[in-house]
């Protein structure tokens, strides 16, 4: 395929260049229909050649057969989309997880260290991000190496350890008493503590927690997230009726009477009736925990209550959700804990 790419690129490029020279010398000859058609065809050939070269460089398994298959798949998907009714709904009963590639893109971008400006981390983030951009999203081994480098050089976290601790704390299932979940939670809690610094294992534990310790009792009126064919999210009741319009780019499950939603990278919260009780105005957010949720504004984190009132100001570089009345926060290189009034503990 690479040889074919070079042949198409060179031959198409030569004819394209020749056409431009002819245009400069005599525009009438160039605009003669057969000449013009031949020149446009050479431009197409040149473009296809460049495309093949690009694909063979970024995907070693790229072949002519895979190219034809991709074209057929696109046509097939278009036909399916045309034939499916608009009312078709895809119910999302499980939490969706970002791929390792997407996590790396989010966490390793030099922009994350611009405000406040951290010269050392920006300089370290640039080569890591550049390496990521030329890595295939399916190359797991290469992505794991980049993740390791990001953890060591940028001190980024791919899993919220404190949040996982809160989720699988056996005390959660004492009232009402659930012996089976207490047993499962205890096993996961021990496993979690033994692997605090192993990001790969923590990601697996995160899935186990969500699968084995589902939080159905914390959802509102059994509302379930749904996604329609245009990729927008909304919510269904247990009878399958849409209660909240599918209009968001992303949505989380309801916790403590609120659901985190976002559109165009702007985050906010809705109640069980679909009212946007906290406008979509934040750069990032997390679900409520113990009555407060942390959100990001102008690259800094703070905490708000269920009505959107700022309880703890936006002064932190990173934060964790509240657990037993305490939240871990960071300002610069200094890490410490605060209570729900923002007082240092």
C-alpha atoms as a PDB file:
ATOM      1  CA  UNK A   1       0.000   0.000   0.000  1.00  0.00           C
ATOM      2  CA  UNK A   2       2.844   2.391   0.765  1.00  0.00           C
ATOM      3  CA  UNK A   3       4.335   1.876  -2.707  1.00  0.00           C
ATOM      4  CA  UNK A   4       0.929   2.550  -4.279  1.00  0.00           C
ATOM      5  CA  UNK A   5       0.672   5.705  -2.197  1.00  0.00           C
ATOM      6  CA  UNK A   6       4.040   6.975  -3.462  1.00  0.00           C
ATOM      7  CA  UNK A   7       3.158   6.160  -7.094  1.00  0.00           C
ATOM      8  CA  UNK A   8      -0.169   8.035  -6.904  1.00  0.00           C
ATOM      9  CA  UNK A   9       1.362  10.974  -5.048  1.00  0.00           C
ATOM     10  CA  UNK A  10       4.307  11.422  -7.426  1.00  0.00           C
ATOM     11  CA  UNK A  11       2.375  10.900 -10.666  1.00  0.00           C
ATOM     12  CA  UNK A  12      -0.548  13.035  -9.512  1.00  0.00           C
ATOM     13  CA  UNK A  13       1.822  15.714  -8.249  1.00  0.00           C
ATOM     14  CA  UNK A  14       3.748  15.924 -11.532  1.00  0.00           C
ATOM     15  CA  UNK A  15       0.587  16.309 -13.630  1.00  0.00           C
ATOM     16  CA  UNK A  16      -0.870  18.797 -11.154  1.00  0.00           C
ATOM     17  CA  UNK A  17       2.290  20.890 -11.284  1.00  0.00           C
ATOM     18  CA  UNK A  18       2.278  20.697 -15.092  1.00  0.00           C
ATOM     19  CA  UNK A  19      -1.276  21.970 -15.167  1.00  0.00           C
ATOM     20  CA  UNK A  20      -0.358  24.961 -13.033  1.00  0.00           C
ATOM     21  CA  UNK A  21       2.551  25.801 -15.334  1.00  0.00           C
ATOM     22  CA  UNK A  22       0.189  25.599 -18.353  1.00  0.00           C
ATOM     23  CA  UNK A  23      -2.287  27.866 -16.577  1.00  0.00           C
ATOM     24  CA  UNK A  24       0.412  30.472 -16.096  1.00  0.00           C
ATOM     25  CA  UNK A  25       1.456  30.347 -19.768  1.00  0.00           C
ATOM     26  CA  UNK A  26      -1.921  30.080 -21.483  1.00  0.00           C
ATOM     27  CA  UNK A  27      -5.165  30.055 -19.509  1.00  0.00           C
ATOM     28  CA  UNK A  28      -7.244  29.289 -22.622  1.00  0.00           C
ATOM     29  CA  UNK A  29      -5.458  25.975 -23.214  1.00  0.00           C
ATOM     30  CA  UNK A  30      -5.788  25.124 -19.537  1.00  0.00           C
ATOM     31  CA  UNK A  31      -9.546  25.771 -19.538  1.00  0.00           C
ATOM     32  CA  UNK A  32     -10.065  23.492 -22.540  1.00  0.00           C
ATOM     33  CA  UNK A  33     -12.533  20.889 -21.067  1.00  0.00           C
ATOM     34  CA  UNK A  34     -10.431  17.708 -21.603  1.00  0.00           C
ATOM     35  CA  UNK A  35      -7.325  19.465 -20.209  1.00  0.00           C
ATOM     36  CA  UNK A  36      -9.218  20.831 -17.219  1.00  0.00           C
ATOM     37  CA  UNK A  37     -10.797  17.436 -16.526  1.00  0.00           C
ATOM     38  CA  UNK A  38      -7.404  15.706 -16.685  1.00  0.00           C
ATOM     39  CA  UNK A  39      -5.917  18.256 -14.294  1.00  0.00           C
ATOM     40  CA  UNK A  40      -8.770  17.835 -11.787  1.00  0.00           C
ATOM     41  CA  UNK A  41      -8.351  14.065 -11.995  1.00  0.00           C
ATOM     42  CA  UNK A  42      -4.611  14.415 -11.288  1.00  0.00           C
ATOM     43  CA  UNK A  43      -5.421  16.491  -8.184  1.00  0.00           C
ATOM     44  CA  UNK A  44      -7.734  13.688  -7.018  1.00  0.00           C
ATOM     45  CA  UNK A  45      -5.024  11.072  -7.624  1.00  0.00           C
ATOM     46  CA  UNK A  46      -2.497  13.198  -5.754  1.00  0.00           C
ATOM     47  CA  UNK A  47      -4.891  13.550  -2.788  1.00  0.00           C
ATOM     48  CA  UNK A  48      -5.612   9.814  -2.667  1.00  0.00           C
ATOM     49  CA  UNK A  49      -1.883   9.116  -2.713  1.00  0.00           C
ATOM     50  CA  UNK A  50      -1.298  11.441   0.244  1.00  0.00           C
ATOM     51  CA  UNK A  51      -4.177   9.845   2.120  1.00  0.00           C
ATOM     52  CA  UNK A  52      -2.784   6.331   1.614  1.00  0.00           C
ATOM     53  CA  UNK A  53       0.675   7.449   2.757  1.00  0.00           C
ATOM     54  CA  UNK A  54      -0.796   9.032   5.868  1.00  0.00           C
ATOM     55  CA  UNK A  55      -2.843   5.936   6.730  1.00  0.00           C
ATOM     56  CA  UNK A  56       0.060   3.546   6.214  1.00  0.00           C
ATOM     57  CA  UNK A  57       2.221   5.669   8.521  1.00  0.00           C
ATOM     58  CA  UNK A  58      -0.374   5.911  11.309  1.00  0.00           C
ATOM     59  CA  UNK A  59      -1.819   2.404  10.930  1.00  0.00           C
ATOM     60  CA  UNK A  60       0.570  -0.406  10.048  1.00  0.00           C
ATOM     61  CA  UNK A  61      -2.338  -2.787   9.362  1.00  0.00           C
ATOM     62  CA  UNK A  62      -3.838  -0.521   6.711  1.00  0.00           C
ATOM     63  CA  UNK A  63      -4.391  -2.356   3.424  1.00  0.00           C
ATOM     64  CA  UNK A  64      -6.325  -1.841   0.205  1.00  0.00           C
ATOM     65  CA  UNK A  65      -8.900  -4.329   1.455  1.00  0.00           C
ATOM     66  CA  UNK A  66      -9.344  -2.388   4.699  1.00  0.00           C
ATOM     67  CA  UNK A  67      -9.812   0.824   2.666  1.00  0.00           C
ATOM     68  CA  UNK A  68     -12.614  -0.768   0.625  1.00  0.00           C
ATOM     69  CA  UNK A  69     -14.150  -2.198   3.793  1.00  0.00           C
ATOM     70  CA  UNK A  70     -14.172   1.254   5.411  1.00  0.00           C
ATOM     71  CA  UNK A  71     -15.994   2.701   2.407  1.00  0.00           C
ATOM     72  CA  UNK A  72     -18.552  -0.137   2.513  1.00  0.00           C
ATOM     73  CA  UNK A  73     -19.034   0.333   6.264  1.00  0.00           C
ATOM     74  CA  UNK A  74     -19.700   4.055   5.807  1.00  0.00           C
ATOM     75  CA  UNK A  75     -22.325   3.347   3.133  1.00  0.00           C
ATOM     76  CA  UNK A  76     -23.835   0.583   5.263  1.00  0.00           C
ATOM     77  CA  UNK A  77     -24.097   2.843   8.299  1.00  0.00           C
ATOM     78  CA  UNK A  78     -25.698   5.578   6.186  1.00  0.00           C
ATOM     79  CA  UNK A  79     -28.322   3.126   4.955  1.00  0.00           C
ATOM     80  CA  UNK A  80     -29.001   1.891   8.483  1.00  0.00           C
ATOM     81  CA  UNK A  81     -29.408   5.451   9.727  1.00  0.00           C
ATOM     82  CA  UNK A  82     -31.891   6.192   6.952  1.00  0.00           C
ATOM     83  CA  UNK A  83     -33.942   3.068   7.672  1.00  0.00           C
ATOM     84  CA  UNK A  84     -34.137   3.380  11.479  1.00  0.00           C
ATOM     85  CA  UNK A  85     -37.106   5.292  12.897  1.00  0.00           C
ATOM     86  CA  UNK A  86     -36.412   8.575  14.641  1.00  0.00           C
ATOM     87  CA  UNK A  87     -37.987   7.197  17.801  1.00  0.00           C
ATOM     88  CA  UNK A  88     -35.281   4.522  18.114  1.00  0.00           C
ATOM     89  CA  UNK A  89     -33.557   4.842  21.484  1.00  0.00           C
ATOM     90  CA  UNK A  90     -30.379   3.218  22.776  1.00  0.00           C
ATOM     91  CA  UNK A  91     -30.654   2.654  26.519  1.00  0.00           C
ATOM     92  CA  UNK A  92     -27.408   3.046  28.416  1.00  0.00           C
ATOM     93  CA  UNK A  93     -27.629   0.987  31.566  1.00  0.00           C
ATOM     94  CA  UNK A  94     -23.905   0.857  32.246  1.00  0.00           C
ATOM     95  CA  UNK A  95     -21.498   3.635  32.967  1.00  0.00           C
ATOM     96  CA  UNK A  96     -19.472   4.670  29.925  1.00  0.00           C
ATOM     97  CA  UNK A  97     -15.712   4.771  30.378  1.00  0.00           C
ATOM     98  CA  UNK A  98     -13.310   6.919  28.459  1.00  0.00           C
ATOM     99  CA  UNK A  99     -10.670   5.059  26.498  1.00  0.00           C
ATOM    100  CA  UNK A 100      -7.072   5.312  27.685  1.00  0.00           C
ATOM    101  CA  UNK A 101      -6.305   7.390  24.579  1.00  0.00           C
ATOM    102  CA  UNK A 102      -9.047   9.916  25.418  1.00  0.00           C
ATOM    103  CA  UNK A 103      -7.940  10.096  29.060  1.00  0.00           C
ATOM    104  CA  UNK A 104      -4.386  10.827  27.957  1.00  0.00           C
ATOM    105  CA  UNK A 105      -5.591  13.564  25.610  1.00  0.00           C
ATOM    106  CA  UNK A 106      -7.519  15.197  28.451  1.00  0.00           C
ATOM    107  CA  UNK A 107      -4.859  14.898  31.141  1.00  0.00           C
ATOM    108  CA  UNK A 108      -1.615  15.429  29.208  1.00  0.00           C
ATOM    109  CA  UNK A 109      -2.499  18.538  27.253  1.00  0.00           C
ATOM    110  CA  UNK A 110       0.009  21.347  27.975  1.00  0.00           C
ATOM    111  CA  UNK A 111      -2.998  23.665  28.330  1.00  0.00           C
ATOM    112  CA  UNK A 112      -3.772  22.005  31.682  1.00  0.00           C
ATOM    113  CA  UNK A 113      -0.641  23.578  33.153  1.00  0.00           C
ATOM    114  CA  UNK A 114      -1.018  27.074  31.716  1.00  0.00           C
ATOM    115  CA  UNK A 115      -3.288  28.520  34.421  1.00  0.00           C
ATOM    116  CA  UNK A 116      -1.705  28.729  36.870  1.00  0.00           C
ATOM    117  CA  UNK A 117       1.412  28.563  34.724  1.00  0.00           C
ATOM    118  CA  UNK A 118       3.799  25.727  35.572  1.00  0.00           C
ATOM    119  CA  UNK A 119       6.810  26.087  33.273  1.00  0.00           C
ATOM    120  CA  UNK A 120       8.349  22.735  34.219  1.00  0.00           C
ATOM    121  CA  UNK A 121       5.179  20.735  33.618  1.00  0.00           C
ATOM    122  CA  UNK A 122       4.364  22.545  30.381  1.00  0.00           C
ATOM    123  CA  UNK A 123       7.816  21.652  29.044  1.00  0.00           C
ATOM    124  CA  UNK A 124       7.328  18.023  30.092  1.00  0.00           C
ATOM    125  CA  UNK A 125       3.769  17.847  28.758  1.00  0.00           C
ATOM    126  CA  UNK A 126       4.664  19.041  25.235  1.00  0.00           C
ATOM    127  CA  UNK A 127       6.737  15.979  24.185  1.00  0.00           C
ATOM    128  CA  UNK A 128       4.302  13.598  25.898  1.00  0.00           C
ATOM    129  CA  UNK A 129       1.350  15.123  24.039  1.00  0.00           C
ATOM    130  CA  UNK A 130       3.264  15.123  20.747  1.00  0.00           C
ATOM    131  CA  UNK A 131       4.080  11.438  21.219  1.00  0.00           C
ATOM    132  CA  UNK A 132       0.401  10.739  21.906  1.00  0.00           C
ATOM    133  CA  UNK A 133      -0.690  12.521  18.719  1.00  0.00           C
ATOM    134  CA  UNK A 134       1.395  10.170  16.544  1.00  0.00           C
ATOM    135  CA  UNK A 135       0.321   7.041  18.451  1.00  0.00           C
ATOM    136  CA  UNK A 136      -2.524   4.879  17.171  1.00  0.00           C
ATOM    137  CA  UNK A 137      -5.476   4.913  19.575  1.00  0.00           C
ATOM    138  CA  UNK A 138      -5.601   1.100  19.448  1.00  0.00           C
ATOM    139  CA  UNK A 139      -1.909   0.597  20.313  1.00  0.00           C
ATOM    140  CA  UNK A 140      -2.459  -0.402  23.945  1.00  0.00           C
ATOM    141  CA  UNK A 141       1.158  -1.088  24.793  1.00  0.00           C
ATOM    142  CA  UNK A 142       2.346   2.276  23.484  1.00  0.00           C
ATOM    143  CA  UNK A 143      -0.449   4.070  25.344  1.00  0.00           C
ATOM    144  CA  UNK A 144       0.466   2.319  28.601  1.00  0.00           C
ATOM    145  CA  UNK A 145       4.052   3.561  28.229  1.00  0.00           C
ATOM    146  CA  UNK A 146       2.782   7.102  27.658  1.00  0.00           C
ATOM    147  CA  UNK A 147       0.539   6.780  30.715  1.00  0.00           C
ATOM    148  CA  UNK A 148       3.477   5.675  32.845  1.00  0.00           C
ATOM    149  CA  UNK A 149       5.494   8.639  31.613  1.00  0.00           C
ATOM    150  CA  UNK A 150       2.595  11.017  32.319  1.00  0.00           C
ATOM    151  CA  UNK A 151       2.232   9.720  35.871  1.00  0.00           C
ATOM    152  CA  UNK A 152       5.946  10.077  36.565  1.00  0.00           C
ATOM    153  CA  UNK A 153       6.574  13.421  34.833  1.00  0.00           C
ATOM    154  CA  UNK A 154       3.252  15.233  35.242  1.00  0.00           C
ATOM    155  CA  UNK A 155       1.940  13.594  38.420  1.00  0.00           C
ATOM    156  CA  UNK A 156      -1.513  13.151  36.852  1.00  0.00           C
ATOM    157  CA  UNK A 157      -4.133  10.757  38.197  1.00  0.00           C
ATOM    158  CA  UNK A 158      -6.271   8.672  35.857  1.00  0.00           C
ATOM    159  CA  UNK A 159      -8.576   7.415  38.589  1.00  0.00           C
ATOM    160  CA  UNK A 160     -10.059   9.343  41.522  1.00  0.00           C
ATOM    161  CA  UNK A 161      -8.779   7.166  44.364  1.00  0.00           C
ATOM    162  CA  UNK A 162     -10.674   9.003  47.119  1.00  0.00           C
ATOM    163  CA  UNK A 163     -13.937   8.704  45.216  1.00  0.00           C
ATOM    164  CA  UNK A 164     -13.429   4.956  44.780  1.00  0.00           C
ATOM    165  CA  UNK A 165     -12.714   4.621  48.497  1.00  0.00           C
ATOM    166  CA  UNK A 166     -15.983   6.369  49.228  1.00  0.00           C
ATOM    167  CA  UNK A 167     -17.929   4.205  46.795  1.00  0.00           C
ATOM    168  CA  UNK A 168     -16.728   0.868  48.181  1.00  0.00           C
ATOM    169  CA  UNK A 169     -16.644   1.810  51.859  1.00  0.00           C
ATOM    170  CA  UNK A 170     -18.547  -1.041  53.621  1.00  0.00           C
ATOM    171  CA  UNK A 171     -20.209   1.519  55.922  1.00  0.00           C
ATOM    172  CA  UNK A 172     -22.371   2.606  52.983  1.00  0.00           C
ATOM    173  CA  UNK A 173     -24.317  -0.638  53.210  1.00  0.00           C
ATOM    174  CA  UNK A 174     -24.946  -0.793  56.955  1.00  0.00           C
ATOM    175  CA  UNK A 175     -28.199   1.184  56.694  1.00  0.00           C
ATOM    176  CA  UNK A 176     -30.207  -0.453  55.293  1.00  0.00           C
ATOM    177  CA  UNK A 177     -28.176  -3.529  56.149  1.00  0.00           C
ATOM    178  CA  UNK A 178     -27.032  -5.527  53.110  1.00  0.00           C
ATOM    179  CA  UNK A 179     -24.780  -8.427  54.088  1.00  0.00           C
ATOM    180  CA  UNK A 180     -23.890  -9.395  50.527  1.00  0.00           C
ATOM    181  CA  UNK A 181     -22.836  -5.877  49.517  1.00  0.00           C
ATOM    182  CA  UNK A 182     -20.887  -5.406  52.748  1.00  0.00           C
ATOM    183  CA  UNK A 183     -18.894  -8.546  51.927  1.00  0.00           C
ATOM    184  CA  UNK A 184     -18.232  -7.441  48.340  1.00  0.00           C
ATOM    185  CA  UNK A 185     -17.396  -3.890  49.422  1.00  0.00           C
ATOM    186  CA  UNK A 186     -14.965  -5.125  52.047  1.00  0.00           C
ATOM    187  CA  UNK A 187     -13.073  -7.248  49.481  1.00  0.00           C
ATOM    188  CA  UNK A 188     -12.926  -4.357  47.009  1.00  0.00           C
ATOM    189  CA  UNK A 189     -11.865  -1.892  49.716  1.00  0.00           C
ATOM    190  CA  UNK A 190      -8.898  -4.060  50.717  1.00  0.00           C
ATOM    191  CA  UNK A 191      -7.980  -4.589  47.064  1.00  0.00           C
ATOM    192  CA  UNK A 192      -8.191  -0.844  46.483  1.00  0.00           C
ATOM    193  CA  UNK A 193      -5.871   0.029  49.372  1.00  0.00           C
ATOM    194  CA  UNK A 194      -3.324  -2.554  48.210  1.00  0.00           C
ATOM    195  CA  UNK A 195      -3.134  -0.963  44.740  1.00  0.00           C
ATOM    196  CA  UNK A 196      -3.303   2.771  45.465  1.00  0.00           C
ATOM    197  CA  UNK A 197      -0.456   3.586  43.074  1.00  0.00           C
ATOM    198  CA  UNK A 198      -1.283   1.089  40.324  1.00  0.00           C
ATOM    199  CA  UNK A 199      -3.417   3.035  37.838  1.00  0.00           C
ATOM    200  CA  UNK A 200      -4.115   0.042  35.598  1.00  0.00           C
ATOM    201  CA  UNK A 201      -5.448  -2.052  38.487  1.00  0.00           C
ATOM    202  CA  UNK A 202      -7.429   0.901  39.835  1.00  0.00           C
ATOM    203  CA  UNK A 203      -9.249   1.249  36.505  1.00  0.00           C
ATOM    204  CA  UNK A 204     -10.283  -2.423  36.733  1.00  0.00           C
ATOM    205  CA  UNK A 205     -11.406  -1.956  40.346  1.00  0.00           C
ATOM    206  CA  UNK A 206     -13.456   1.074  39.269  1.00  0.00           C
ATOM    207  CA  UNK A 207     -15.397  -1.139  36.851  1.00  0.00           C
ATOM    208  CA  UNK A 208     -15.840  -3.827  39.496  1.00  0.00           C
ATOM    209  CA  UNK A 209     -17.234  -1.293  41.953  1.00  0.00           C
ATOM    210  CA  UNK A 210     -19.765   0.015  39.427  1.00  0.00           C
ATOM    211  CA  UNK A 211     -20.791  -3.504  38.345  1.00  0.00           C
ATOM    212  CA  UNK A 212     -20.921  -5.232  41.746  1.00  0.00           C
ATOM    213  CA  UNK A 213     -21.998  -2.315  43.939  1.00  0.00           C
ATOM    214  CA  UNK A 214     -24.475  -0.568  41.674  1.00  0.00           C
ATOM    215  CA  UNK A 215     -26.096   2.485  43.196  1.00  0.00           C
ATOM    216  CA  UNK A 216     -29.632   1.998  41.976  1.00  0.00           C
ATOM    217  CA  UNK A 217     -30.990   3.011  45.361  1.00  0.00           C
ATOM    218  CA  UNK A 218     -29.456   6.451  44.823  1.00  0.00           C
ATOM    219  CA  UNK A 219     -31.123   7.176  41.498  1.00  0.00           C
ATOM    220  CA  UNK A 220     -34.273   9.291  41.367  1.00  0.00           C
ATOM    221  CA  UNK A 221     -37.522   7.553  40.463  1.00  0.00           C
ATOM    222  CA  UNK A 222     -35.575   4.841  38.628  1.00  0.00           C
ATOM    223  CA  UNK A 223     -34.559   7.235  35.886  1.00  0.00           C
ATOM    224  CA  UNK A 224     -32.149   5.717  33.373  1.00  0.00           C
ATOM    225  CA  UNK A 225     -29.852   7.517  30.962  1.00  0.00           C
ATOM    226  CA  UNK A 226     -30.597   7.023  27.288  1.00  0.00           C
ATOM    227  CA  UNK A 227     -28.863   8.064  24.099  1.00  0.00           C
ATOM    228  CA  UNK A 228     -30.631   8.601  20.803  1.00  0.00           C
ATOM    229  CA  UNK A 229     -29.066   8.133  17.398  1.00  0.00           C
ATOM    230  CA  UNK A 230     -27.622  11.617  17.109  1.00  0.00           C
ATOM    231  CA  UNK A 231     -25.570  10.899  20.231  1.00  0.00           C
ATOM    232  CA  UNK A 232     -27.601  13.113  22.582  1.00  0.00           C
ATOM    233  CA  UNK A 233     -28.496  12.004  26.117  1.00  0.00           C
ATOM    234  CA  UNK A 234     -31.673  12.200  28.144  1.00  0.00           C
ATOM    235  CA  UNK A 235     -33.538  10.106  30.725  1.00  0.00           C
ATOM    236  CA  UNK A 236     -36.231   7.401  30.688  1.00  0.00           C
ATOM    237  CA  UNK A 237     -38.489   6.202  33.473  1.00  0.00           C
ATOM    238  CA  UNK A 238     -38.887   2.492  34.231  1.00  0.00           C
ATOM    239  CA  UNK A 239     -41.801   2.242  31.760  1.00  0.00           C
ATOM    240  CA  UNK A 240     -39.485   3.365  28.955  1.00  0.00           C
ATOM    241  CA  UNK A 241     -41.052   6.805  28.553  1.00  0.00           C
ATOM    242  CA  UNK A 242     -38.753   9.764  27.938  1.00  0.00           C
ATOM    243  CA  UNK A 243     -39.095  12.092  30.901  1.00  0.00           C
ATOM    244  CA  UNK A 244     -36.142  14.368  30.196  1.00  0.00           C
ATOM    245  CA  UNK A 245     -35.479  15.421  26.607  1.00  0.00           C
ATOM    246  CA  UNK A 246     -32.404  13.970  24.882  1.00  0.00           C
ATOM    247  CA  UNK A 247     -30.410  17.131  24.251  1.00  0.00           C
ATOM    248  CA  UNK A 248     -27.125  16.772  26.156  1.00  0.00           C
ATOM    249  CA  UNK A 249     -23.698  15.722  24.871  1.00  0.00           C
ATOM    250  CA  UNK A 250     -23.117  13.794  28.094  1.00  0.00           C
ATOM    251  CA  UNK A 251     -25.008  12.899  31.254  1.00  0.00           C
ATOM    252  CA  UNK A 252     -24.371  11.080  34.539  1.00  0.00           C
ATOM    253  CA  UNK A 253     -26.748   9.113  36.752  1.00  0.00           C
ATOM    254  CA  UNK A 254     -28.791  10.964  39.356  1.00  0.00           C
ATOM    255  CA  UNK A 255     -27.147  11.235  42.776  1.00  0.00           C
ATOM    256  CA  UNK A 256     -28.672  13.110  45.687  1.00  0.00           C
ATOM    257  CA  UNK A 257     -31.455  14.459  43.466  1.00  0.00           C
ATOM    258  CA  UNK A 258     -29.146  15.982  40.852  1.00  0.00           C
ATOM    259  CA  UNK A 259     -27.582  14.752  37.610  1.00  0.00           C
ATOM    260  CA  UNK A 260     -24.460  16.204  36.038  1.00  0.00           C
ATOM    261  CA  UNK A 261     -24.967  17.052  32.340  1.00  0.00           C
ATOM    262  CA  UNK A 262     -22.877  18.862  29.772  1.00  0.00           C
ATOM    263  CA  UNK A 263     -23.101  20.317  26.278  1.00  0.00           C
ATOM    264  CA  UNK A 264     -20.290  21.943  24.287  1.00  0.00           C
ATOM    265  CA  UNK A 265     -17.917  21.338  27.229  1.00  0.00           C
ATOM    266  CA  UNK A 266     -20.127  23.391  29.567  1.00  0.00           C
ATOM    267  CA  UNK A 267     -21.247  21.533  32.708  1.00  0.00           C
ATOM    268  CA  UNK A 268     -24.289  21.998  34.933  1.00  0.00           C
ATOM    269  CA  UNK A 269     -26.932  20.060  36.883  1.00  0.00           C
ATOM    270  CA  UNK A 270     -30.582  19.114  36.396  1.00  0.00           C
ATOM    271  CA  UNK A 271     -33.252  17.865  38.812  1.00  0.00           C
ATOM    272  CA  UNK A 272     -35.530  14.848  38.293  1.00  0.00           C
ATOM    273  CA  UNK A 273     -37.982  16.977  36.316  1.00  0.00           C
ATOM    274  CA  UNK A 274     -35.320  18.078  33.854  1.00  0.00           C
ATOM    275  CA  UNK A 275     -35.011  21.629  35.165  1.00  0.00           C
ATOM    276  CA  UNK A 276     -31.507  23.042  34.818  1.00  0.00           C
ATOM    277  CA  UNK A 277     -31.283  24.070  38.454  1.00  0.00           C
ATOM    278  CA  UNK A 278     -27.591  24.875  38.033  1.00  0.00           C
ATOM    279  CA  UNK A 279     -26.881  26.392  34.579  1.00  0.00           C
ATOM    280  CA  UNK A 280     -24.367  24.800  32.214  1.00  0.00           C
ATOM    281  CA  UNK A 281     -21.623  27.312  32.942  1.00  0.00           C
ATOM    282  CA  UNK A 282     -18.684  25.350  34.348  1.00  0.00           C
ATOM    283  CA  UNK A 283     -15.606  23.914  32.634  1.00  0.00           C
ATOM    284  CA  UNK A 284     -15.936  20.631  34.518  1.00  0.00           C
ATOM    285  CA  UNK A 285     -17.945  19.054  37.314  1.00  0.00           C
ATOM    286  CA  UNK A 286     -18.567  15.903  39.326  1.00  0.00           C
ATOM    287  CA  UNK A 287     -21.673  14.370  40.909  1.00  0.00           C
ATOM    288  CA  UNK A 288     -22.841  15.513  44.325  1.00  0.00           C
ATOM    289  CA  UNK A 289     -21.418  13.875  47.424  1.00  0.00           C
ATOM    290  CA  UNK A 290     -22.623  14.736  50.920  1.00  0.00           C
ATOM    291  CA  UNK A 291     -24.557  17.735  49.626  1.00  0.00           C
ATOM    292  CA  UNK A 292     -21.682  19.386  47.719  1.00  0.00           C
ATOM    293  CA  UNK A 293     -20.182  18.998  44.243  1.00  0.00           C
ATOM    294  CA  UNK A 294     -16.890  20.301  42.979  1.00  0.00           C
ATOM    295  CA  UNK A 295     -16.805  22.264  39.730  1.00  0.00           C
ATOM    296  CA  UNK A 296     -14.122  24.090  37.773  1.00  0.00           C
ATOM    297  CA  UNK A 297     -14.226  27.719  36.684  1.00  0.00           C
ATOM    298  CA  UNK A 298     -11.348  29.634  35.102  1.00  0.00           C
ATOM    299  CA  UNK A 299      -9.145  26.544  35.632  1.00  0.00           C
ATOM    300  CA  UNK A 300      -9.702  26.592  39.414  1.00  0.00           C
ATOM    301  CA  UNK A 301     -11.882  24.292  41.528  1.00  0.00           C
ATOM    302  CA  UNK A 302     -14.454  25.100  44.177  1.00  0.00           C
ATOM    303  CA  UNK A 303     -17.607  23.569  45.719  1.00  0.00           C
ATOM    304  CA  UNK A 304     -21.284  24.384  45.191  1.00  0.00           C
ATOM    305  CA  UNK A 305     -24.492  23.219  46.884  1.00  0.00           C
ATOM    306  CA  UNK A 306     -27.558  21.744  45.174  1.00  0.00           C
ATOM    307  CA  UNK A 307     -28.925  25.186  44.394  1.00  0.00           C
ATOM    308  CA  UNK A 308     -25.711  26.310  42.709  1.00  0.00           C
ATOM    309  CA  UNK A 309     -24.547  28.531  45.543  1.00  0.00           C
ATOM    310  CA  UNK A 310     -20.754  28.696  45.855  1.00  0.00           C
ATOM    311  CA  UNK A 311     -19.954  27.307  49.303  1.00  0.00           C
ATOM    312  CA  UNK A 312     -16.175  27.009  48.981  1.00  0.00           C
ATOM    313  CA  UNK A 313     -14.481  29.482  46.578  1.00  0.00           C
ATOM    314  CA  UNK A 314     -12.563  28.634  43.407  1.00  0.00           C
ATOM    315  CA  UNK A 315      -9.032  28.685  44.783  1.00  0.00           C
ATOM    316  CA  UNK A 316      -7.846  25.091  44.360  1.00  0.00           C
ATOM    317  CA  UNK A 317      -5.716  23.512  41.630  1.00  0.00           C
ATOM    318  CA  UNK A 318      -7.251  20.075  42.260  1.00  0.00           C
ATOM    319  CA  UNK A 319      -9.864  18.623  44.611  1.00  0.00           C
ATOM    320  CA  UNK A 320     -11.642  15.393  45.566  1.00  0.00           C
ATOM    321  CA  UNK A 321     -15.267  14.812  46.533  1.00  0.00           C
ATOM    322  CA  UNK A 322     -16.266  14.985  50.183  1.00  0.00           C
ATOM    323  CA  UNK A 323     -16.087  11.801  52.231  1.00  0.00           C
ATOM    324  CA  UNK A 324     -17.179  11.744  55.856  1.00  0.00           C
ATOM    325  CA  UNK A 325     -17.197  15.555  55.879  1.00  0.00           C
ATOM    326  CA  UNK A 326     -13.632  15.917  54.572  1.00  0.00           C
ATOM    327  CA  UNK A 327     -12.258  16.658  51.092  1.00  0.00           C
ATOM    328  CA  UNK A 328      -8.667  16.437  49.906  1.00  0.00           C
ATOM    329  CA  UNK A 329      -7.508  19.562  48.010  1.00  0.00           C
ATOM    330  CA  UNK A 330      -4.342  20.994  46.487  1.00  0.00           C
ATOM    331  CA  UNK A 331      -2.970  24.504  46.008  1.00  0.00           C
ATOM    332  CA  UNK A 332       0.261  24.560  44.056  1.00  0.00           C
ATOM    333  CA  UNK A 333       2.388  21.753  45.466  1.00  0.00           C
ATOM    334  CA  UNK A 334       0.677  21.834  48.872  1.00  0.00           C
ATOM    335  CA  UNK A 335      -1.921  19.144  49.616  1.00  0.00           C
ATOM    336  CA  UNK A 336      -4.250  19.237  52.612  1.00  0.00           C
ATOM    337  CA  UNK A 337      -7.828  18.523  53.710  1.00  0.00           C
ATOM    338  CA  UNK A 338     -10.772  20.871  54.308  1.00  0.00           C
ATOM    339  CA  UNK A 339     -14.192  20.603  55.934  1.00  0.00           C
ATOM    340  CA  UNK A 340     -17.478  21.683  54.324  1.00  0.00           C
ATOM    341  CA  UNK A 341     -16.847  25.294  55.270  1.00  0.00           C
ATOM    342  CA  UNK A 342     -13.437  25.359  53.595  1.00  0.00           C
ATOM    343  CA  UNK A 343     -11.552  25.274  56.874  1.00  0.00           C
ATOM    344  CA  UNK A 344      -8.218  23.471  56.759  1.00  0.00           C
ATOM    345  CA  UNK A 345      -8.090  20.280  58.812  1.00  0.00           C
END
